[in-house]
Amino acid sequence: MTAWTVLVCGDRSRGDDGAAVAAVERLPRRLRAEIRIRARGQLEPDELVSALLSGPCLILDTVHGVPPGSVVEVSLAKLLAGGCLTPASTHALPMPIVVGLAQELGAPLEAGAFLGIGGSAFSVGDLLSPEVEAGLDDYVATIVAHLRARTGARCA
């Protein structure tokens, strides 16, 4: 079984932007030991290419365009098309461009997926908003279910 790479975008010091980081910290310890976790403040195309070429890949980030605390799953192909949501982390390039460049460099987009949580507070020094804090358990459960469904792992 090929191990998953989980690309975690965000910054804990910027409120809801750190929700993906907080979610990964809440994953079951056994599961964290079975996956490759790569924390990224900004996701670069070469990092995404490397992850997708090495096996299944899951990108985690906070997003704009959905209610705070709600969880969304989007294929990388749909993320590439744009318009459905906007990842909130400060990326050097917008996420659809990162995904498009990765595709042009030969990365198999079908090997990856994006899981996000809606956010509302992104200023330096902010804590997680009450809505995101309330939605974090659902976000963690969705991450675990996604990894379990695609690997058969017990994730307990």
N, C-alpha and C. Protein backbone atom coordinates (compact mmCIF):
# COMPACT_ATOMS: atom_id res chain seq x y z
N MET A 1 0.85 -1.17 0.00
CA MET A 1 0.00 0.00 0.00
C MET A 1 0.89 1.24 0.00
N THR A 2 0.63 2.18 -0.89
CA THR A 2 1.38 3.42 -0.98
C THR A 2 0.87 4.40 0.07
N ALA A 3 1.80 5.01 0.79
CA ALA A 3 1.42 5.97 1.83
C ALA A 3 0.91 7.26 1.22
N TRP A 4 -0.07 7.84 1.87
CA TRP A 4 -0.59 9.14 1.48
C TRP A 4 0.39 10.23 1.84
N THR A 5 0.43 11.28 1.03
CA THR A 5 1.09 12.53 1.40
C THR A 5 -0.02 13.52 1.69
N VAL A 6 0.03 14.15 2.86
CA VAL A 6 -0.96 15.15 3.23
C VAL A 6 -0.25 16.49 3.29
N LEU A 7 -0.61 17.39 2.38
CA LEU A 7 -0.03 18.73 2.32
C LEU A 7 -0.93 19.66 3.13
N VAL A 8 -0.38 20.18 4.21
CA VAL A 8 -1.15 20.97 5.17
C VAL A 8 -0.79 22.43 4.98
N CYS A 9 -1.74 23.22 4.50
CA CYS A 9 -1.51 24.64 4.25
C CYS A 9 -2.08 25.46 5.39
N GLY A 10 -1.39 26.54 5.72
CA GLY A 10 -1.92 27.46 6.72
C GLY A 10 -0.89 27.92 7.72
N ASP A 11 -1.32 28.85 8.54
CA ASP A 11 -0.46 29.50 9.53
C ASP A 11 -1.25 29.64 10.83
N ARG A 12 -0.83 28.94 11.88
CA ARG A 12 -1.55 28.96 13.17
C ARG A 12 -1.68 30.36 13.75
N SER A 13 -0.75 31.26 13.41
CA SER A 13 -0.78 32.61 13.99
C SER A 13 -1.80 33.51 13.30
N ARG A 14 -2.50 33.00 12.27
CA ARG A 14 -3.46 33.81 11.53
C ARG A 14 -4.89 33.24 11.67
N GLY A 15 -5.27 32.91 12.88
CA GLY A 15 -6.63 32.49 13.15
C GLY A 15 -7.06 31.27 12.36
N ASP A 16 -8.17 31.39 11.64
CA ASP A 16 -8.74 30.26 10.90
C ASP A 16 -7.80 29.71 9.84
N ASP A 17 -6.81 30.49 9.41
CA ASP A 17 -5.83 30.00 8.44
C ASP A 17 -5.09 28.78 8.99
N GLY A 18 -5.06 28.62 10.30
CA GLY A 18 -4.38 27.49 10.93
C GLY A 18 -5.28 26.29 11.18
N ALA A 19 -6.49 26.29 10.66
CA ALA A 19 -7.43 25.20 10.93
C ALA A 19 -6.92 23.85 10.43
N ALA A 20 -6.30 23.81 9.26
CA ALA A 20 -5.78 22.54 8.74
C ALA A 20 -4.67 22.00 9.64
N VAL A 21 -3.83 22.89 10.14
CA VAL A 21 -2.76 22.49 11.05
C VAL A 21 -3.37 21.91 12.32
N ALA A 22 -4.38 22.59 12.87
CA ALA A 22 -5.06 22.11 14.07
C ALA A 22 -5.73 20.76 13.83
N ALA A 23 -6.32 20.58 12.65
CA ALA A 23 -6.98 19.31 12.33
C ALA A 23 -5.98 18.17 12.29
N VAL A 24 -4.85 18.38 11.66
CA VAL A 24 -3.84 17.33 11.57
C VAL A 24 -3.32 16.96 12.96
N GLU A 25 -3.19 17.94 13.83
CA GLU A 25 -2.75 17.66 15.19
C GLU A 25 -3.76 16.79 15.93
N ARG A 26 -5.02 16.81 15.51
CA ARG A 26 -6.07 16.01 16.15
C ARG A 26 -6.28 14.65 15.50
N LEU A 27 -5.57 14.36 14.42
CA LEU A 27 -5.70 13.04 13.80
C LEU A 27 -5.21 11.96 14.77
N PRO A 28 -5.78 10.77 14.68
CA PRO A 28 -5.29 9.69 15.53
C PRO A 28 -3.78 9.48 15.33
N ARG A 29 -3.10 9.26 16.42
CA ARG A 29 -1.63 9.09 16.38
C ARG A 29 -1.20 7.99 15.42
N ARG A 30 -1.92 6.90 15.44
CA ARG A 30 -1.57 5.77 14.55
C ARG A 30 -1.67 6.17 13.08
N LEU A 31 -2.70 6.93 12.75
CA LEU A 31 -2.86 7.38 11.38
C LEU A 31 -1.73 8.34 10.99
N ARG A 32 -1.40 9.27 11.88
CA ARG A 32 -0.31 10.21 11.58
C ARG A 32 0.99 9.46 11.29
N ALA A 33 1.18 8.33 11.94
CA ALA A 33 2.40 7.55 11.73
C ALA A 33 2.40 6.84 10.37
N GLU A 34 1.21 6.67 9.77
CA GLU A 34 1.08 5.93 8.51
C GLU A 34 1.08 6.83 7.27
N ILE A 35 1.07 8.13 7.45
CA ILE A 35 1.01 9.05 6.31
C ILE A 35 2.20 10.01 6.36
N ARG A 36 2.50 10.60 5.21
CA ARG A 36 3.55 11.63 5.15
C ARG A 36 2.86 12.98 5.28
N ILE A 37 3.18 13.71 6.33
CA ILE A 37 2.58 15.02 6.56
C ILE A 37 3.60 16.08 6.21
N ARG A 38 3.21 17.00 5.33
CA ARG A 38 4.09 18.09 4.90
C ARG A 38 3.38 19.41 5.18
N ALA A 39 3.87 20.13 6.18
CA ALA A 39 3.30 21.44 6.50
C ALA A 39 3.84 22.47 5.52
N ARG A 40 2.94 23.23 4.93
CA ARG A 40 3.29 24.24 3.94
C ARG A 40 2.51 25.51 4.20
N GLY A 41 3.20 26.59 4.48
CA GLY A 41 2.52 27.87 4.57
C GLY A 41 1.96 28.25 3.21
N GLN A 42 2.78 28.02 2.20
CA GLN A 42 2.39 28.28 0.81
C GLN A 42 2.69 27.03 0.00
N LEU A 43 1.75 26.59 -0.79
CA LEU A 43 1.96 25.41 -1.61
C LEU A 43 2.55 25.83 -2.95
N GLU A 44 3.67 25.24 -3.30
CA GLU A 44 4.36 25.53 -4.56
C GLU A 44 4.10 24.39 -5.54
N PRO A 45 4.10 24.68 -6.84
CA PRO A 45 3.84 23.63 -7.84
C PRO A 45 4.77 22.43 -7.73
N ASP A 46 6.06 22.66 -7.49
CA ASP A 46 7.00 21.53 -7.42
C ASP A 46 6.70 20.61 -6.24
N GLU A 47 6.20 21.17 -5.14
CA GLU A 47 5.82 20.34 -3.98
C GLU A 47 4.61 19.47 -4.32
N LEU A 48 3.66 20.06 -5.03
CA LEU A 48 2.47 19.30 -5.41
C LEU A 48 2.83 18.21 -6.42
N VAL A 49 3.68 18.52 -7.38
CA VAL A 49 4.12 17.52 -8.35
C VAL A 49 4.78 16.36 -7.64
N SER A 50 5.71 16.65 -6.77
CA SER A 50 6.42 15.60 -6.03
C SER A 50 5.47 14.73 -5.24
N ALA A 51 4.51 15.35 -4.56
CA ALA A 51 3.55 14.59 -3.77
C ALA A 51 2.68 13.70 -4.65
N LEU A 52 2.17 14.25 -5.74
CA LEU A 52 1.27 13.48 -6.62
C LEU A 52 2.01 12.34 -7.33
N LEU A 53 3.27 12.54 -7.66
CA LEU A 53 4.03 11.49 -8.33
C LEU A 53 4.44 10.37 -7.38
N SER A 54 4.41 10.65 -6.07
CA SER A 54 4.83 9.62 -5.11
C SER A 54 3.65 8.81 -4.57
N GLY A 55 2.43 9.14 -5.00
CA GLY A 55 1.27 8.38 -4.55
C GLY A 55 0.09 9.29 -4.28
N PRO A 56 -0.91 8.78 -3.57
CA PRO A 56 -2.09 9.61 -3.30
C PRO A 56 -1.75 10.81 -2.43
N CYS A 57 -2.45 11.91 -2.69
CA CYS A 57 -2.14 13.18 -2.04
C CYS A 57 -3.43 13.88 -1.62
N LEU A 58 -3.42 14.43 -0.43
CA LEU A 58 -4.55 15.18 0.09
C LEU A 58 -4.04 16.56 0.49
N ILE A 59 -4.69 17.61 -0.04
CA ILE A 59 -4.34 18.99 0.32
C ILE A 59 -5.38 19.47 1.32
N LEU A 60 -4.92 20.03 2.43
CA LEU A 60 -5.80 20.58 3.45
C LEU A 60 -5.57 22.07 3.58
N ASP A 61 -6.65 22.85 3.64
CA ASP A 61 -6.52 24.30 3.78
C ASP A 61 -7.86 24.88 4.23
N THR A 62 -7.81 26.08 4.74
CA THR A 62 -9.02 26.83 5.04
C THR A 62 -9.46 27.53 3.76
N VAL A 63 -10.76 27.75 3.61
CA VAL A 63 -11.26 28.33 2.37
C VAL A 63 -12.23 29.49 2.63
N HIS A 64 -12.31 30.37 1.63
CA HIS A 64 -13.34 31.41 1.55
C HIS A 64 -14.42 30.88 0.61
N GLY A 65 -15.62 31.41 0.73
CA GLY A 65 -16.67 31.05 -0.23
C GLY A 65 -17.63 30.00 0.26
N VAL A 66 -17.42 29.49 1.46
CA VAL A 66 -18.36 28.56 2.08
C VAL A 66 -18.57 29.05 3.52
N PRO A 67 -19.66 28.67 4.16
CA PRO A 67 -19.89 29.13 5.54
C PRO A 67 -18.75 28.70 6.47
N PRO A 68 -18.33 29.58 7.38
CA PRO A 68 -17.27 29.23 8.33
C PRO A 68 -17.63 27.95 9.10
N GLY A 69 -16.66 27.05 9.19
CA GLY A 69 -16.85 25.79 9.90
C GLY A 69 -17.37 24.66 9.04
N SER A 70 -17.85 24.96 7.83
CA SER A 70 -18.34 23.88 6.96
C SER A 70 -17.17 23.23 6.22
N VAL A 71 -17.32 21.96 5.95
CA VAL A 71 -16.26 21.16 5.34
C VAL A 71 -16.61 20.90 3.88
N VAL A 72 -15.61 21.05 3.01
CA VAL A 72 -15.81 20.82 1.58
C VAL A 72 -14.72 19.90 1.04
N GLU A 73 -15.12 19.05 0.10
CA GLU A 73 -14.19 18.19 -0.62
C GLU A 73 -14.31 18.51 -2.10
N VAL A 74 -13.18 18.73 -2.73
CA VAL A 74 -13.16 19.10 -4.15
C VAL A 74 -12.04 18.32 -4.83
N SER A 75 -12.32 17.79 -6.01
CA SER A 75 -11.26 17.14 -6.77
C SER A 75 -10.27 18.20 -7.24
N LEU A 76 -9.05 17.79 -7.52
CA LEU A 76 -8.06 18.75 -8.01
C LEU A 76 -8.46 19.28 -9.39
N ALA A 77 -9.13 18.46 -10.19
CA ALA A 77 -9.59 18.93 -11.50
C ALA A 77 -10.60 20.07 -11.33
N LYS A 78 -11.51 19.94 -10.36
CA LYS A 78 -12.49 20.99 -10.12
C LYS A 78 -11.83 22.23 -9.53
N LEU A 79 -10.84 22.02 -8.66
CA LEU A 79 -10.09 23.14 -8.09
C LEU A 79 -9.36 23.89 -9.20
N LEU A 80 -8.82 23.15 -10.16
CA LEU A 80 -8.14 23.74 -11.31
C LEU A 80 -9.08 24.63 -12.12
N ALA A 81 -10.33 24.20 -12.26
CA ALA A 81 -11.31 24.98 -13.02
C ALA A 81 -11.64 26.31 -12.33
N GLY A 82 -11.44 26.36 -11.01
CA GLY A 82 -11.66 27.61 -10.27
C GLY A 82 -13.13 27.90 -10.06
N GLY A 83 -13.38 28.96 -9.30
CA GLY A 83 -14.73 29.45 -9.09
C GLY A 83 -15.52 28.77 -8.00
N CYS A 84 -15.13 27.55 -7.59
CA CYS A 84 -15.95 26.84 -6.61
C CYS A 84 -15.66 27.31 -5.19
N LEU A 85 -14.44 27.65 -4.90
CA LEU A 85 -14.03 28.14 -3.59
C LEU A 85 -12.63 28.70 -3.72
N THR A 86 -12.19 29.42 -2.70
CA THR A 86 -10.86 30.01 -2.72
C THR A 86 -10.09 29.60 -1.48
N PRO A 87 -9.02 28.79 -1.63
CA PRO A 87 -8.19 28.49 -0.46
C PRO A 87 -7.68 29.79 0.16
N ALA A 88 -7.68 29.84 1.48
CA ALA A 88 -7.42 31.09 2.19
C ALA A 88 -5.96 31.34 2.53
N SER A 89 -5.13 30.31 2.57
CA SER A 89 -3.74 30.53 2.94
C SER A 89 -3.08 31.45 1.93
N THR A 90 -2.10 32.17 2.40
CA THR A 90 -1.39 33.11 1.54
C THR A 90 -0.46 32.31 0.65
N HIS A 91 -0.88 32.05 -0.56
CA HIS A 91 -0.08 31.29 -1.51
C HIS A 91 0.61 32.26 -2.46
N ALA A 92 1.86 31.93 -2.82
CA ALA A 92 2.58 32.77 -3.77
C ALA A 92 1.81 32.84 -5.08
N LEU A 93 1.19 31.73 -5.44
CA LEU A 93 0.33 31.65 -6.63
C LEU A 93 -1.04 31.16 -6.19
N PRO A 94 -2.10 31.62 -6.82
CA PRO A 94 -3.43 31.09 -6.48
C PRO A 94 -3.47 29.58 -6.69
N MET A 95 -4.23 28.89 -5.84
CA MET A 95 -4.27 27.42 -5.89
C MET A 95 -4.61 26.87 -7.27
N PRO A 96 -5.57 27.43 -8.02
CA PRO A 96 -5.82 26.88 -9.37
C PRO A 96 -4.59 26.95 -10.27
N ILE A 97 -3.78 27.98 -10.13
CA ILE A 97 -2.56 28.08 -10.94
C ILE A 97 -1.54 27.04 -10.49
N VAL A 98 -1.41 26.84 -9.18
CA VAL A 98 -0.50 25.81 -8.66
C VAL A 98 -0.90 24.44 -9.21
N VAL A 99 -2.19 24.14 -9.16
CA VAL A 99 -2.67 22.85 -9.65
C VAL A 99 -2.46 22.74 -11.17
N GLY A 100 -2.72 23.81 -11.89
CA GLY A 100 -2.52 23.80 -13.34
C GLY A 100 -1.07 23.60 -13.72
N LEU A 101 -0.16 24.27 -13.03
CA LEU A 101 1.27 24.08 -13.30
C LEU A 101 1.70 22.65 -12.97
N ALA A 102 1.18 22.11 -11.88
CA ALA A 102 1.50 20.73 -11.52
C ALA A 102 1.05 19.78 -12.62
N GLN A 103 -0.15 20.02 -13.16
CA GLN A 103 -0.65 19.19 -14.25
C GLN A 103 0.24 19.30 -15.48
N GLU A 104 0.64 20.53 -15.82
CA GLU A 104 1.52 20.74 -16.98
C GLU A 104 2.87 20.06 -16.80
N LEU A 105 3.30 19.92 -15.55
CA LEU A 105 4.58 19.27 -15.26
C LEU A 105 4.44 17.75 -15.15
N GLY A 106 3.26 17.24 -15.46
CA GLY A 106 3.06 15.80 -15.52
C GLY A 106 2.47 15.15 -14.29
N ALA A 107 2.00 15.94 -13.33
CA ALA A 107 1.42 15.36 -12.12
C ALA A 107 0.03 14.80 -12.42
N PRO A 108 -0.26 13.61 -11.94
CA PRO A 108 -1.58 13.00 -12.15
C PRO A 108 -2.60 13.57 -11.16
N LEU A 109 -3.42 14.53 -11.60
CA LEU A 109 -4.36 15.18 -10.71
C LEU A 109 -5.35 14.20 -10.07
N GLU A 110 -5.64 13.11 -10.76
CA GLU A 110 -6.58 12.14 -10.21
C GLU A 110 -6.04 11.46 -8.95
N ALA A 111 -4.76 11.60 -8.67
CA ALA A 111 -4.16 11.01 -7.47
C ALA A 111 -4.36 11.89 -6.24
N GLY A 112 -5.00 13.06 -6.40
CA GLY A 112 -5.12 13.97 -5.28
C GLY A 112 -6.53 14.48 -5.08
N ALA A 113 -6.73 15.09 -3.93
CA ALA A 113 -8.00 15.72 -3.59
C ALA A 113 -7.73 16.88 -2.64
N PHE A 114 -8.72 17.75 -2.51
CA PHE A 114 -8.63 18.91 -1.63
C PHE A 114 -9.76 18.84 -0.61
N LEU A 115 -9.40 18.97 0.67
CA LEU A 115 -10.40 19.07 1.73
C LEU A 115 -10.19 20.39 2.44
N GLY A 116 -11.25 21.18 2.52
CA GLY A 116 -11.15 22.48 3.16
C GLY A 116 -12.20 22.67 4.23
N ILE A 117 -11.98 23.69 5.03
CA ILE A 117 -12.95 24.11 6.03
C ILE A 117 -13.13 25.61 5.88
N GLY A 118 -14.38 26.06 5.85
CA GLY A 118 -14.66 27.49 5.71
C GLY A 118 -14.13 28.27 6.90
N GLY A 119 -13.58 29.44 6.62
CA GLY A 119 -13.04 30.28 7.68
C GLY A 119 -13.49 31.72 7.56
N SER A 120 -13.27 32.50 8.64
CA SER A 120 -13.68 33.90 8.62
C SER A 120 -12.70 34.85 9.29
N ALA A 121 -11.81 34.36 10.14
CA ALA A 121 -10.88 35.22 10.89
C ALA A 121 -9.45 34.89 10.48
N PHE A 122 -8.78 35.83 9.80
CA PHE A 122 -7.47 35.52 9.22
C PHE A 122 -6.38 36.52 9.59
N SER A 123 -6.62 37.39 10.56
CA SER A 123 -5.62 38.39 10.93
C SER A 123 -4.57 37.79 11.85
N VAL A 124 -3.37 38.34 11.78
CA VAL A 124 -2.29 37.91 12.67
C VAL A 124 -2.75 38.09 14.11
N GLY A 125 -2.59 37.06 14.90
CA GLY A 125 -2.99 37.11 16.30
C GLY A 125 -4.38 36.59 16.58
N ASP A 126 -5.20 36.41 15.54
CA ASP A 126 -6.54 35.86 15.74
C ASP A 126 -6.45 34.42 16.23
N LEU A 127 -7.44 34.00 17.01
CA LEU A 127 -7.62 32.60 17.37
C LEU A 127 -8.57 31.99 16.35
N LEU A 128 -8.73 30.68 16.40
CA LEU A 128 -9.75 30.06 15.54
C LEU A 128 -11.10 30.67 15.89
N SER A 129 -11.90 30.98 14.88
CA SER A 129 -13.23 31.53 15.12
C SER A 129 -14.09 30.46 15.79
N PRO A 130 -15.13 30.86 16.52
CA PRO A 130 -16.02 29.88 17.15
C PRO A 130 -16.63 28.90 16.13
N GLU A 131 -16.94 29.38 14.93
CA GLU A 131 -17.53 28.51 13.90
C GLU A 131 -16.54 27.44 13.44
N VAL A 132 -15.30 27.85 13.25
CA VAL A 132 -14.28 26.88 12.82
C VAL A 132 -13.97 25.91 13.96
N GLU A 133 -13.84 26.42 15.16
CA GLU A 133 -13.61 25.55 16.32
C GLU A 133 -14.72 24.51 16.41
N ALA A 134 -15.97 24.93 16.21
CA ALA A 134 -17.11 24.02 16.28
C ALA A 134 -17.10 23.01 15.14
N GLY A 135 -16.54 23.37 13.98
CA GLY A 135 -16.52 22.48 12.81
C GLY A 135 -15.29 21.60 12.73
N LEU A 136 -14.33 21.81 13.62
CA LEU A 136 -13.05 21.10 13.52
C LEU A 136 -13.19 19.59 13.68
N ASP A 137 -14.06 19.13 14.58
CA ASP A 137 -14.24 17.68 14.74
C ASP A 137 -14.78 17.05 13.45
N ASP A 138 -15.72 17.74 12.78
CA ASP A 138 -16.23 17.23 11.50
C ASP A 138 -15.13 17.21 10.44
N TYR A 139 -14.28 18.24 10.45
CA TYR A 139 -13.17 18.30 9.49
C TYR A 139 -12.23 17.12 9.71
N VAL A 140 -11.86 16.87 10.96
CA VAL A 140 -10.98 15.74 11.27
C VAL A 140 -11.64 14.43 10.85
N ALA A 141 -12.91 14.25 11.17
CA ALA A 141 -13.62 13.02 10.80
C ALA A 141 -13.67 12.84 9.28
N THR A 142 -13.82 13.93 8.54
CA THR A 142 -13.85 13.86 7.08
C THR A 142 -12.47 13.47 6.53
N ILE A 143 -11.42 14.02 7.12
CA ILE A 143 -10.06 13.66 6.70
C ILE A 143 -9.83 12.17 6.94
N VAL A 144 -10.16 11.70 8.13
CA VAL A 144 -9.97 10.28 8.47
C VAL A 144 -10.79 9.40 7.53
N ALA A 145 -12.04 9.75 7.31
CA ALA A 145 -12.90 8.95 6.43
C ALA A 145 -12.36 8.93 5.00
N HIS A 146 -11.85 10.07 4.54
CA HIS A 146 -11.29 10.14 3.19
C HIS A 146 -10.09 9.19 3.07
N LEU A 147 -9.20 9.25 4.02
CA LEU A 147 -8.01 8.39 3.97
C LEU A 147 -8.39 6.92 4.12
N ARG A 148 -9.33 6.62 4.98
CA ARG A 148 -9.76 5.24 5.21
C ARG A 148 -10.44 4.67 3.96
N ALA A 149 -11.32 5.46 3.33
CA ALA A 149 -12.07 4.98 2.17
C ALA A 149 -11.15 4.69 0.99
N ARG A 150 -10.08 5.39 0.89
CA ARG A 150 -9.21 5.23 -0.27
C ARG A 150 -8.02 4.33 -0.03
N THR A 151 -7.82 3.88 1.21
CA THR A 151 -6.68 3.01 1.48
C THR A 151 -7.07 1.72 2.15
N GLY A 152 -8.25 1.68 2.75
CA GLY A 152 -8.64 0.52 3.54
C GLY A 152 -7.99 0.52 4.90
N ALA A 153 -7.28 1.58 5.24
CA ALA A 153 -6.60 1.65 6.55
C ALA A 153 -7.63 1.72 7.66
N ARG A 154 -7.24 1.23 8.82
CA ARG A 154 -8.14 1.26 9.96
C ARG A 154 -8.23 2.64 10.56
N CYS A 155 -7.17 3.41 10.51
CA CYS A 155 -7.15 4.81 10.98
C CYS A 155 -7.65 4.96 12.40
N ALA A 156 -7.46 3.94 13.23
CA ALA A 156 -7.95 4.02 14.61
C ALA A 156 -6.86 4.41 15.57
